Protein backbone atom coordinates (compact mmCIF):
# COMPACT_ATOMS: atom_id res chain seq x y z
CA LEU A 1 7.42 -36.90 -58.27
CA GLU A 2 8.44 -40.62 -59.44
CA GLY A 3 9.78 -41.24 -56.00
CA LEU A 4 6.42 -40.36 -54.49
CA GLU A 5 4.48 -42.57 -56.97
CA LEU A 6 6.65 -45.65 -55.82
CA VAL A 7 5.53 -44.95 -52.14
CA SER A 8 2.04 -44.64 -53.08
CA LEU A 9 2.04 -40.67 -52.13
CA SER A 10 1.23 -39.01 -55.51
CA GLY A 11 -0.01 -35.77 -54.93
CA PHE A 12 1.58 -35.24 -51.73
CA GLY A 13 4.46 -33.36 -53.14
CA GLU A 14 3.45 -29.90 -52.08
CA ARG A 15 2.74 -30.78 -48.52
CA LEU A 16 4.57 -29.60 -45.52
CA PRO A 17 6.11 -32.25 -42.92
CA SER A 18 3.88 -31.20 -40.28
CA GLU A 19 0.82 -32.14 -42.69
CA LEU A 20 1.97 -35.62 -43.03
CA SER A 21 1.21 -38.56 -40.68
CA GLY A 22 3.96 -40.71 -39.16
CA GLY A 23 3.90 -43.60 -41.67
CA GLN A 24 3.62 -41.11 -44.52
CA GLN A 25 6.72 -39.22 -43.24
CA GLN A 26 8.45 -42.49 -43.32
CA ARG A 27 7.55 -43.20 -47.07
CA VAL A 28 8.79 -39.64 -47.85
CA ALA A 29 12.19 -40.62 -46.50
CA VAL A 30 12.19 -43.83 -48.66
CA ALA A 31 11.33 -41.86 -51.72
CA ARG A 32 14.09 -39.23 -51.28
CA ALA A 33 16.46 -42.17 -50.98
CA LEU A 34 14.99 -43.91 -54.16
CA VAL A 35 15.38 -40.99 -56.58
CA LEU A 36 19.17 -41.37 -55.93
CA GLU A 37 18.68 -44.94 -57.44
CA PRO A 38 21.00 -46.48 -54.87
CA GLU A 39 22.61 -50.13 -55.27
CA VAL A 40 21.84 -50.72 -51.61
CA LEU A 41 19.16 -49.09 -49.37
CA LEU A 42 19.93 -48.89 -45.78
CA PHE A 43 17.26 -48.74 -43.30
CA ASP A 44 18.22 -48.18 -39.52
CA GLU A 45 15.30 -48.93 -36.93
CA PRO A 46 12.87 -47.21 -39.51
CA LEU A 47 9.79 -47.69 -37.58
CA SER A 48 11.05 -47.20 -33.80
CA ASN A 49 8.73 -43.80 -33.74
CA LEU A 50 5.42 -45.45 -34.85
CA ASP A 51 2.71 -47.14 -32.83
CA ALA A 52 2.17 -50.89 -33.53
CA LYS A 53 -0.68 -50.61 -35.90
CA LEU A 54 1.21 -48.27 -38.14
CA ARG A 55 4.57 -50.02 -37.44
CA ARG A 56 2.93 -53.15 -38.94
CA ARG A 57 1.37 -51.66 -42.18
CA VAL A 58 4.63 -49.66 -43.06
CA ARG A 59 6.53 -52.69 -42.58
CA GLU A 60 4.61 -54.36 -45.11
CA GLU A 61 4.90 -51.61 -47.47
CA ILE A 62 8.78 -51.45 -47.05
CA ARG A 63 8.71 -55.34 -47.81
CA GLU A 64 6.35 -54.77 -50.97
CA LEU A 65 8.57 -51.93 -52.04
CA GLN A 66 11.75 -53.77 -51.78
CA GLN A 67 10.55 -56.98 -53.59
CA LYS A 68 8.89 -54.81 -56.50
CA LEU A 69 12.32 -52.72 -57.07
CA GLU A 70 14.57 -55.94 -56.54
CA LEU A 71 16.44 -53.76 -54.52
CA THR A 72 18.92 -54.94 -52.11
CA THR A 73 17.95 -53.70 -48.66
CA VAL A 74 20.11 -53.76 -45.27
CA TYR A 75 17.57 -53.52 -42.53
CA VAL A 76 19.14 -52.85 -38.97
CA THR A 77 16.46 -53.41 -36.03
CA HIS A 78 16.33 -54.73 -32.65
CA ASP A 79 12.62 -55.81 -33.20
CA GLN A 80 12.83 -59.62 -33.75
CA GLU A 81 9.65 -59.65 -35.33
CA GLU A 82 10.40 -56.85 -37.80
CA ALA A 83 13.55 -58.99 -38.85
CA LEU A 84 11.51 -62.01 -39.46
CA ALA A 85 8.95 -60.26 -41.52
CA VAL A 86 11.03 -58.13 -43.94
CA SER A 87 14.12 -60.37 -44.44
CA ASP A 88 15.24 -62.87 -46.69
CA THR A 89 18.46 -63.39 -44.86
CA ILE A 90 19.12 -62.32 -41.36
CA PHE A 91 22.56 -61.85 -39.76
CA VAL A 92 22.25 -62.02 -35.87
CA MET A 93 25.34 -60.00 -34.34
CA ASN A 94 26.40 -60.28 -30.62
CA GLU A 95 29.04 -57.79 -29.60
CA ALA A 96 30.16 -56.84 -33.15
CA VAL A 97 30.49 -60.55 -34.12
CA ILE A 98 28.04 -62.78 -36.74
CA ASP A 99 26.65 -65.35 -34.50
CA GLN A 100 24.50 -66.91 -37.33
CA GLU A 101 23.26 -66.13 -40.81
CA GLY A 102 20.19 -67.68 -42.39
CA THR A 103 16.68 -67.39 -43.38
CA PRO A 104 14.11 -66.43 -40.67
CA GLN A 105 12.68 -69.89 -40.60
CA GLN A 106 16.35 -71.22 -40.29
CA LEU A 107 17.13 -68.99 -37.36
CA TYR A 108 13.87 -69.43 -35.65
CA GLU A 109 13.94 -73.07 -35.78
CA GLU A 110 17.57 -73.86 -35.61
CA PRO A 111 19.40 -71.52 -33.65
CA VAL A 112 23.22 -72.31 -33.47
CA ASN A 113 23.66 -71.08 -29.77
CA LEU A 114 21.77 -69.80 -26.61
CA PHE A 115 22.15 -66.08 -27.75
CA VAL A 116 20.47 -66.50 -31.18
CA ALA A 117 17.80 -68.85 -29.60
CA ASP A 118 16.89 -66.31 -27.02
CA PHE A 119 17.15 -63.15 -29.37
CA ILE A 120 14.98 -64.34 -32.20
CA GLY A 121 11.54 -64.71 -30.81
CA ASP A 122 10.60 -65.87 -27.39
CA ALA A 123 12.32 -68.93 -26.21
CA ASN A 124 12.20 -70.95 -22.94
CA ILE A 125 15.60 -72.32 -22.55
CA VAL A 126 15.68 -75.61 -20.40
CA LYS A 127 18.17 -78.50 -19.98
CA ALA A 128 17.62 -82.07 -21.30
CA GLN A 129 19.14 -85.26 -21.84
CA ILE A 130 20.04 -86.75 -25.30
CA LEU A 131 19.48 -90.47 -24.37
CA LYS A 132 20.23 -92.11 -27.81
CA ILE A 133 21.44 -90.87 -31.31
CA ASP A 134 19.30 -92.46 -34.07
CA GLY A 135 20.94 -91.49 -37.43
CA ILE A 136 20.18 -88.09 -37.84
CA SER A 137 17.73 -87.81 -35.03
CA ALA A 138 17.98 -87.86 -31.23
CA ASN A 139 15.99 -89.15 -28.57
CA VAL A 140 15.65 -86.66 -26.06
CA ASP A 141 14.13 -86.60 -22.67
CA ILE A 142 12.98 -83.00 -21.63
CA GLY A 143 11.87 -83.20 -17.91
CA GLY A 144 10.18 -86.47 -18.40
CA ILE A 145 8.78 -85.59 -21.93
CA GLY A 146 10.17 -87.61 -24.65
CA VAL A 147 10.81 -86.14 -28.11
CA LYS A 148 12.54 -87.14 -31.23
CA LEU A 149 14.50 -84.14 -32.67
CA PRO A 150 17.35 -83.53 -35.40
CA ASN A 151 20.49 -84.44 -33.49
CA ARG A 152 22.34 -81.29 -35.18
CA GLY A 153 25.75 -83.07 -34.65
CA LEU A 154 25.34 -83.64 -30.96
CA VAL A 155 25.92 -86.80 -28.67
CA SER A 156 24.25 -88.10 -25.98
CA GLY A 157 24.32 -86.33 -22.66
CA GLU A 158 23.17 -82.98 -21.23
CA VAL A 159 22.24 -80.38 -23.65
CA SER A 160 20.20 -77.05 -23.84
CA VAL A 161 17.05 -77.34 -25.69
CA ALA A 162 15.00 -74.10 -26.96
CA ILE A 163 11.18 -74.31 -26.69
CA ARG A 164 8.78 -71.74 -28.47
CA PRO A 165 6.03 -70.80 -26.50
CA GLN A 166 3.59 -71.75 -29.28
CA SER A 167 4.93 -75.24 -28.94
CA ILE A 168 3.73 -76.12 -25.49
CA CYS A 169 0.43 -77.56 -24.99
CA LEU A 170 -1.98 -77.21 -21.86
CA SER A 171 -4.53 -79.64 -21.00
CA GLN A 172 -6.48 -80.64 -17.64
CA SER A 173 -5.70 -84.31 -18.31
CA GLY A 174 -2.01 -86.01 -18.80
CA ASN A 175 -0.80 -89.07 -20.19
CA LYS A 176 2.44 -90.88 -19.92
CA ASN A 177 4.46 -88.31 -22.19
CA SER A 178 3.42 -85.19 -20.44
CA ILE A 179 4.50 -83.40 -17.11
CA GLN A 180 2.39 -81.51 -14.53
CA GLY A 181 2.47 -77.61 -13.98
CA THR A 182 1.01 -74.77 -12.09
CA ILE A 183 -0.57 -71.68 -13.48
CA GLN A 184 1.41 -68.62 -12.12
CA LYS A 185 0.15 -65.94 -14.71
CA ALA A 186 -2.81 -65.76 -17.46
CA ILE A 187 -3.11 -62.66 -19.59
CA TYR A 188 -5.98 -62.50 -22.24
CA LEU A 189 -4.84 -60.83 -25.31
CA GLY A 190 -7.68 -61.32 -27.49
CA GLY A 191 -6.35 -63.56 -29.97
CA HIS A 192 -4.24 -65.61 -27.71
CA ILE A 193 -3.77 -66.13 -23.91
CA GLU A 194 -0.21 -66.04 -22.46
CA TYR A 195 0.71 -68.02 -19.40
CA THR A 196 3.50 -68.67 -17.20
CA VAL A 197 3.56 -72.17 -15.77
CA ASP A 198 5.58 -73.48 -12.94
CA CYS A 199 6.89 -76.97 -13.39
CA ILE A 200 9.99 -79.54 -13.05
CA LEU A 201 11.75 -77.49 -16.12
CA GLY A 202 11.27 -73.94 -14.09
CA GLU A 203 8.88 -71.22 -15.23
CA LEU A 204 7.77 -71.71 -19.19
CA PHE A 205 6.28 -69.05 -20.89
CA VAL A 206 3.38 -70.41 -23.01
CA ILE A 207 1.32 -68.83 -25.86
CA ASP A 208 -2.03 -70.62 -26.26
CA ASN A 209 -4.45 -69.84 -29.06
CA GLN A 210 -7.25 -71.88 -27.66
CA VAL A 211 -8.87 -68.75 -25.97
CA GLU A 212 -12.20 -70.88 -25.57
CA ILE A 213 -10.42 -73.10 -22.83
CA LYS A 214 -9.28 -70.97 -20.04
CA HIS A 215 -6.82 -72.13 -17.38
CA TYR A 216 -7.09 -70.42 -14.15
CA LEU A 217 -4.44 -69.18 -11.90
CA ASP A 218 -3.01 -71.74 -9.19
CA THR A 219 -4.85 -74.62 -11.16
CA GLU A 220 -2.96 -77.63 -12.01
CA VAL A 221 -2.32 -78.37 -15.76
CA PHE A 222 -0.66 -80.89 -17.84
CA ILE A 223 2.10 -80.01 -20.48
CA THR A 224 3.03 -81.85 -23.56
CA LEU A 225 4.98 -80.80 -26.56
CA ARG A 226 4.46 -79.98 -30.41
CA ALA A 227 6.88 -81.59 -32.64
CA ARG A 228 7.77 -78.20 -34.30
CA GLY A 229 9.34 -75.47 -32.37
CA VAL A 230 11.59 -77.51 -30.29
CA SER A 231 15.30 -77.69 -31.20
CA LEU A 232 18.57 -78.82 -29.47
CA ILE A 233 21.14 -76.00 -29.32
CA PRO A 234 24.61 -77.01 -30.31
CA GLU A 235 26.77 -74.33 -28.81
CA SER A 236 25.34 -74.84 -25.40
């Protein structure tokens, strides 16, 4: 019964599995593991059969329980959002080899190679030119947009850059540090709009939280980049 209390299911001990919701069944499975007092708890795709809203709630409960018990937890998932939400440290594996280890923020903002950049969250991978190394920074030209980024040990020349969809700004007027594009797709999702924009860099995936400003199909827009969410990829 103590295990059920830990997962907020006191009073559910006499219920049959068929009388429990999907989220409650997951919590019972966690409680059964906890009564064994393990040194390490393994979750293997624990939320794969739950709907999106329930998955988010159970994910938060797993994280709270892990922190409350101070229990080492290994969480195996192909869902990048889950990995970012529940982890202190993430290992990204590619063909049974660890490509990168780090905090969620490190992996998202400083991917070591193309695989990690593309695997952790959405990323637009484009070619760019490092024009000049200035101390720990690099002056980079991305299709005509000039940005200053951490150089990450690279030298002048062609390089791959990861641009997160939230780091792309769309507007109806440009400046000397913007490039022009055309709206190919626009999908309204309530809290944000997802765009596909065709430009000199190729097709860019954009997430725009300014839902009050709608860009319509086949219209011209100007693209600029925020400082955060754009990173050079060392192993290109």
